[in-house]
C-alpha atoms as a PDB file:
ATOM      1  CA  UNK A   1     -27.001  20.026  18.569  1.00  0.00           C
ATOM      2  CA  UNK A   2     -23.167  19.167  19.321  1.00  0.00           C
ATOM      3  CA  UNK A   3     -20.406  20.917  17.647  1.00  0.00           C
ATOM      4  CA  UNK A   4     -17.481  19.012  16.838  1.00  0.00           C
ATOM      5  CA  UNK A   5     -14.433  20.357  15.567  1.00  0.00           C
ATOM      6  CA  UNK A   6     -11.820  17.729  14.217  1.00  0.00           C
ATOM      7  CA  UNK A   7      -8.947  17.502  11.872  1.00  0.00           C
ATOM      8  CA  UNK A   8     -10.265  13.345  11.439  1.00  0.00           C
ATOM      9  CA  UNK A   9     -12.633  11.720   9.161  1.00  0.00           C
ATOM     10  CA  UNK A  10     -14.036   8.596   9.819  1.00  0.00           C
ATOM     11  CA  UNK A  11     -13.798   7.071   6.365  1.00  0.00           C
ATOM     12  CA  UNK A  12     -15.559   3.915   5.260  1.00  0.00           C
ATOM     13  CA  UNK A  13     -15.408   2.482   1.312  1.00  0.00           C
ATOM     14  CA  UNK A  14     -17.430   4.227  -0.991  1.00  0.00           C
ATOM     15  CA  UNK A  15     -19.206   0.761  -1.962  1.00  0.00           C
ATOM     16  CA  UNK A  16     -19.630  -0.117   1.777  1.00  0.00           C
ATOM     17  CA  UNK A  17     -23.344  -1.342   1.317  1.00  0.00           C
ATOM     18  CA  UNK A  18     -22.280  -3.609  -1.335  1.00  0.00           C
ATOM     19  CA  UNK A  19     -18.979  -5.141  -0.062  1.00  0.00           C
ATOM     20  CA  UNK A  20     -20.869  -7.663   2.108  1.00  0.00           C
ATOM     21  CA  UNK A  21     -19.533  -8.873   5.381  1.00  0.00           C
ATOM     22  CA  UNK A  22     -17.415  -6.742   7.071  1.00  0.00           C
ATOM     23  CA  UNK A  23     -13.786  -8.591   7.540  1.00  0.00           C
ATOM     24  CA  UNK A  24     -12.492 -10.095  10.850  1.00  0.00           C
ATOM     25  CA  UNK A  25     -10.363  -7.582  13.207  1.00  0.00           C
ATOM     26  CA  UNK A  26      -6.292  -9.208  13.369  1.00  0.00           C
ATOM     27  CA  UNK A  27      -4.062  -8.943  16.443  1.00  0.00           C
ATOM     28  CA  UNK A  28      -1.818  -6.126  15.309  1.00  0.00           C
ATOM     29  CA  UNK A  29       1.398  -8.371  15.973  1.00  0.00           C
ATOM     30  CA  UNK A  30       1.778 -11.919  14.749  1.00  0.00           C
ATOM     31  CA  UNK A  31       2.940 -15.261  16.582  1.00  0.00           C
ATOM     32  CA  UNK A  32       6.680 -14.681  16.952  1.00  0.00           C
ATOM     33  CA  UNK A  33       8.521 -18.270  16.738  1.00  0.00           C
ATOM     34  CA  UNK A  34       5.358 -20.195  18.098  1.00  0.00           C
ATOM     35  CA  UNK A  35       4.688 -17.558  20.918  1.00  0.00           C
ATOM     36  CA  UNK A  36       1.330 -15.729  20.372  1.00  0.00           C
ATOM     37  CA  UNK A  37       1.258 -12.079  21.505  1.00  0.00           C
ATOM     38  CA  UNK A  38      -0.752 -11.018  24.315  1.00  0.00           C
ATOM     39  CA  UNK A  39      -1.497  -8.279  26.878  1.00  0.00           C
ATOM     40  CA  UNK A  40       1.494  -7.137  29.281  1.00  0.00           C
ATOM     41  CA  UNK A  41      -0.201  -4.837  30.961  1.00  0.00           C
ATOM     42  CA  UNK A  42      -2.878  -2.352  31.008  1.00  0.00           C
ATOM     43  CA  UNK A  43      -2.521   1.467  31.394  1.00  0.00           C
ATOM     44  CA  UNK A  44       0.870   2.160  33.298  1.00  0.00           C
ATOM     45  CA  UNK A  45       0.270   5.847  34.095  1.00  0.00           C
ATOM     46  CA  UNK A  46      -2.925   8.073  34.122  1.00  0.00           C
ATOM     47  CA  UNK A  47      -3.752   8.483  30.620  1.00  0.00           C
ATOM     48  CA  UNK A  48      -6.935   9.515  28.860  1.00  0.00           C
ATOM     49  CA  UNK A  49      -7.430   6.118  26.678  1.00  0.00           C
ATOM     50  CA  UNK A  50      -7.454   2.652  27.497  1.00  0.00           C
ATOM     51  CA  UNK A  51      -4.378   1.564  25.556  1.00  0.00           C
ATOM     52  CA  UNK A  52      -2.443  -1.536  26.437  1.00  0.00           C
ATOM     53  CA  UNK A  53       1.199  -2.780  26.448  1.00  0.00           C
ATOM     54  CA  UNK A  54       0.940  -5.712  24.078  1.00  0.00           C
ATOM     55  CA  UNK A  55       3.855  -8.130  23.317  1.00  0.00           C
ATOM     56  CA  UNK A  56       5.456 -11.291  23.943  1.00  0.00           C
ATOM     57  CA  UNK A  57       5.707 -13.234  27.254  1.00  0.00           C
ATOM     58  CA  UNK A  58       9.315 -14.398  27.995  1.00  0.00           C
ATOM     59  CA  UNK A  59      10.630 -12.596  25.075  1.00  0.00           C
ATOM     60  CA  UNK A  60      12.630  -9.075  25.322  1.00  0.00           C
ATOM     61  CA  UNK A  61      14.121  -8.985  21.853  1.00  0.00           C
ATOM     62  CA  UNK A  62      14.747  -9.932  18.471  1.00  0.00           C
ATOM     63  CA  UNK A  63      17.453  -9.939  15.983  1.00  0.00           C
ATOM     64  CA  UNK A  64      14.765  -9.233  13.418  1.00  0.00           C
ATOM     65  CA  UNK A  65      12.309  -6.767  12.529  1.00  0.00           C
ATOM     66  CA  UNK A  66       8.834  -7.818  13.579  1.00  0.00           C
ATOM     67  CA  UNK A  67       5.735  -6.704  11.440  1.00  0.00           C
ATOM     68  CA  UNK A  68       3.163  -4.463  13.083  1.00  0.00           C
ATOM     69  CA  UNK A  69      -0.179  -5.295  11.029  1.00  0.00           C
ATOM     70  CA  UNK A  70      -3.787  -3.236  10.288  1.00  0.00           C
ATOM     71  CA  UNK A  71      -5.827  -5.060  12.378  1.00  0.00           C
ATOM     72  CA  UNK A  72      -8.868  -3.639   9.966  1.00  0.00           C
ATOM     73  CA  UNK A  73      -8.854  -1.809   6.814  1.00  0.00           C
ATOM     74  CA  UNK A  74      -8.608   1.737   7.757  1.00  0.00           C
ATOM     75  CA  UNK A  75      -7.194   4.834   6.552  1.00  0.00           C
ATOM     76  CA  UNK A  76      -3.738   6.419   8.327  1.00  0.00           C
ATOM     77  CA  UNK A  77      -4.805   9.874   9.847  1.00  0.00           C
ATOM     78  CA  UNK A  78      -1.942  10.094  11.988  1.00  0.00           C
ATOM     79  CA  UNK A  79       1.758   9.095  11.515  1.00  0.00           C
ATOM     80  CA  UNK A  80       4.759  10.731  12.948  1.00  0.00           C
ATOM     81  CA  UNK A  81       8.293   9.756  14.207  1.00  0.00           C
ATOM     82  CA  UNK A  82      10.444  10.722  16.715  1.00  0.00           C
ATOM     83  CA  UNK A  83      14.229  10.022  17.858  1.00  0.00           C
ATOM     84  CA  UNK A  84      12.346   7.803  20.417  1.00  0.00           C
ATOM     85  CA  UNK A  85      10.147   5.843  18.465  1.00  0.00           C
ATOM     86  CA  UNK A  86       7.165   5.925  15.793  1.00  0.00           C
ATOM     87  CA  UNK A  87       3.246   6.578  16.285  1.00  0.00           C
ATOM     88  CA  UNK A  88       0.381   5.883  14.256  1.00  0.00           C
ATOM     89  CA  UNK A  89      -3.330   6.061  14.044  1.00  0.00           C
ATOM     90  CA  UNK A  90      -5.549   4.233  11.805  1.00  0.00           C
ATOM     91  CA  UNK A  91      -9.515   5.277  11.332  1.00  0.00           C
ATOM     92  CA  UNK A  92     -11.598   2.053  10.558  1.00  0.00           C
ATOM     93  CA  UNK A  93     -15.116   1.813   9.040  1.00  0.00           C
ATOM     94  CA  UNK A  94     -18.158   2.152  11.442  1.00  0.00           C
ATOM     95  CA  UNK A  95     -16.573   4.694  13.667  1.00  0.00           C
ATOM     96  CA  UNK A  96     -13.514   3.090  14.783  1.00  0.00           C
ATOM     97  CA  UNK A  97      -9.877   4.016  15.521  1.00  0.00           C
ATOM     98  CA  UNK A  98      -6.649   2.434  16.584  1.00  0.00           C
ATOM     99  CA  UNK A  99      -3.528   3.772  18.229  1.00  0.00           C
ATOM    100  CA  UNK A 100       0.150   2.328  18.308  1.00  0.00           C
ATOM    101  CA  UNK A 101       3.142   3.617  19.847  1.00  0.00           C
ATOM    102  CA  UNK A 102       6.337   2.397  20.332  1.00  0.00           C
ATOM    103  CA  UNK A 103       6.945   1.471  16.600  1.00  0.00           C
ATOM    104  CA  UNK A 104      10.700   1.181  15.342  1.00  0.00           C
ATOM    105  CA  UNK A 105       9.807   1.822  11.683  1.00  0.00           C
ATOM    106  CA  UNK A 106       6.605   3.182  10.648  1.00  0.00           C
ATOM    107  CA  UNK A 107       6.315   2.441   6.342  1.00  0.00           C
ATOM    108  CA  UNK A 108       3.604   5.466   5.528  1.00  0.00           C
ATOM    109  CA  UNK A 109       4.705   8.945   5.494  1.00  0.00           C
ATOM    110  CA  UNK A 110       4.335  11.605   8.422  1.00  0.00           C
ATOM    111  CA  UNK A 111       1.256  13.179   8.235  1.00  0.00           C
ATOM    112  CA  UNK A 112       0.861  17.061   8.620  1.00  0.00           C
ATOM    113  CA  UNK A 113      -2.921  18.381   9.203  1.00  0.00           C
ATOM    114  CA  UNK A 114      -1.970  21.604   7.460  1.00  0.00           C
ATOM    115  CA  UNK A 115      -1.015  20.367   4.345  1.00  0.00           C
ATOM    116  CA  UNK A 116      -4.082  18.315   2.112  1.00  0.00           C
ATOM    117  CA  UNK A 117      -2.624  15.180   1.056  1.00  0.00           C
ATOM    118  CA  UNK A 118      -4.422  11.928   0.138  1.00  0.00           C
ATOM    119  CA  UNK A 119      -4.796   9.678   3.072  1.00  0.00           C
ATOM    120  CA  UNK A 120      -3.292   6.252   2.708  1.00  0.00           C
ATOM    121  CA  UNK A 121      -5.643   3.295   2.732  1.00  0.00           C
ATOM    122  CA  UNK A 122      -4.226  -0.309   4.423  1.00  0.00           C
ATOM    123  CA  UNK A 123      -6.157  -3.489   4.184  1.00  0.00           C
ATOM    124  CA  UNK A 124      -6.342  -5.921   7.100  1.00  0.00           C
ATOM    125  CA  UNK A 125      -2.993  -7.590   7.605  1.00  0.00           C
ATOM    126  CA  UNK A 126      -1.108  -4.941   5.968  1.00  0.00           C
ATOM    127  CA  UNK A 127       2.297  -4.269   7.462  1.00  0.00           C
ATOM    128  CA  UNK A 128       1.969  -0.690   9.000  1.00  0.00           C
ATOM    129  CA  UNK A 129       5.727  -0.699  10.645  1.00  0.00           C
ATOM    130  CA  UNK A 130       7.858  -2.665  12.736  1.00  0.00           C
ATOM    131  CA  UNK A 131       9.397  -3.235  16.179  1.00  0.00           C
ATOM    132  CA  UNK A 132      12.281  -4.727  17.141  1.00  0.00           C
ATOM    133  CA  UNK A 133      14.029  -3.623  20.502  1.00  0.00           C
ATOM    134  CA  UNK A 134      11.500  -4.601  23.069  1.00  0.00           C
ATOM    135  CA  UNK A 135       9.232  -6.382  21.251  1.00  0.00           C
ATOM    136  CA  UNK A 136       6.478  -4.561  23.196  1.00  0.00           C
ATOM    137  CA  UNK A 137       3.685  -1.877  21.579  1.00  0.00           C
ATOM    138  CA  UNK A 138       1.063   0.002  23.098  1.00  0.00           C
ATOM    139  CA  UNK A 139      -2.127  -0.368  21.784  1.00  0.00           C
ATOM    140  CA  UNK A 140      -5.144   2.110  21.612  1.00  0.00           C
ATOM    141  CA  UNK A 141      -8.924   1.462  20.591  1.00  0.00           C
ATOM    142  CA  UNK A 142     -11.581   3.905  20.282  1.00  0.00           C
ATOM    143  CA  UNK A 143     -14.927   4.298  18.550  1.00  0.00           C
ATOM    144  CA  UNK A 144     -16.758   7.939  17.983  1.00  0.00           C
ATOM    145  CA  UNK A 145     -19.875   7.273  19.452  1.00  0.00           C
ATOM    146  CA  UNK A 146     -22.960  10.574  19.332  1.00  0.00           C
ATOM    147  CA  UNK A 147     -19.682  12.935  17.763  1.00  0.00           C
ATOM    148  CA  UNK A 148     -17.518  12.005  20.703  1.00  0.00           C
ATOM    149  CA  UNK A 149     -14.215   9.793  20.623  1.00  0.00           C
ATOM    150  CA  UNK A 150     -14.887   7.016  23.657  1.00  0.00           C
ATOM    151  CA  UNK A 151     -11.856   4.857  24.926  1.00  0.00           C
ATOM    152  CA  UNK A 152     -12.394   1.311  24.301  1.00  0.00           C
ATOM    153  CA  UNK A 153     -10.672  -1.401  26.423  1.00  0.00           C
ATOM    154  CA  UNK A 154      -8.933  -3.617  24.009  1.00  0.00           C
ATOM    155  CA  UNK A 155      -8.438  -6.341  26.743  1.00  0.00           C
ATOM    156  CA  UNK A 156     -12.094  -6.783  26.017  1.00  0.00           C
ATOM    157  CA  UNK A 157     -11.919  -7.389  22.103  1.00  0.00           C
ATOM    158  CA  UNK A 158      -8.611  -8.708  21.418  1.00  0.00           C
ATOM    159  CA  UNK A 159      -9.065 -12.179  22.760  1.00  0.00           C
ATOM    160  CA  UNK A 160     -11.292 -13.063  20.080  1.00  0.00           C
ATOM    161  CA  UNK A 161      -8.991 -11.478  16.961  1.00  0.00           C
ATOM    162  CA  UNK A 162      -7.037 -14.027  15.245  1.00  0.00           C
ATOM    163  CA  UNK A 163      -3.172 -13.928  14.813  1.00  0.00           C
ATOM    164  CA  UNK A 164      -1.294 -13.762  11.544  1.00  0.00           C
ATOM    165  CA  UNK A 165       1.816 -15.949  11.080  1.00  0.00           C
ATOM    166  CA  UNK A 166       5.451 -14.121  11.190  1.00  0.00           C
ATOM    167  CA  UNK A 167       7.827 -15.088   8.434  1.00  0.00           C
ATOM    168  CA  UNK A 168      11.737 -14.650   9.161  1.00  0.00           C
ATOM    169  CA  UNK A 169      12.311 -14.057   5.257  1.00  0.00           C
ATOM    170  CA  UNK A 170      13.275 -10.446   4.634  1.00  0.00           C
ATOM    171  CA  UNK A 171      11.871  -8.592   1.976  1.00  0.00           C
ATOM    172  CA  UNK A 172      13.450  -6.326   0.115  1.00  0.00           C
ATOM    173  CA  UNK A 173      11.356  -3.815   1.917  1.00  0.00           C
ATOM    174  CA  UNK A 174      12.083  -4.768   5.499  1.00  0.00           C
ATOM    175  CA  UNK A 175      16.217  -5.359   4.648  1.00  0.00           C
ATOM    176  CA  UNK A 176      15.981  -1.722   3.381  1.00  0.00           C
ATOM    177  CA  UNK A 177      14.675  -0.548   6.665  1.00  0.00           C
ATOM    178  CA  UNK A 178      17.149  -2.626   8.631  1.00  0.00           C
ATOM    179  CA  UNK A 179      20.101  -1.397   6.845  1.00  0.00           C
END
């Protein structure tokens, strides 16, 4: 029998059986001025995951904050800010998990595994945070299989995900973050 100790809980809606078909996954980055995001490179250093660097070919900066979207419904299980960047992990139904590194801003409050706090639920396409400086984001995908997290190469699946549009008009919330 496998013994698994983790602070992560795979969440699914209470009425998952009644919700019907699963929503399609979407790219975490939007179309930017007509340019579709893509995988810029795979692992650059020896890592235990299969994360990839995603961004925009031939674009190195933007004067505006670029939104990062939830690729699927889920629960924010990890969020942290540092002087350099922010990271975020989402757990999704059916044992999937996504991880984002290199965010300039994260909308969710930082998590603390020692404090009991209600987890923030997000819907597919909701804004998780923003990137600006390099227009690049490290994105990882994993799945819980028989009690073990298995890294999944995002390059094998993201090509089929639709890309959401990007709107340059700032909302009061994004204007506040930029200031």
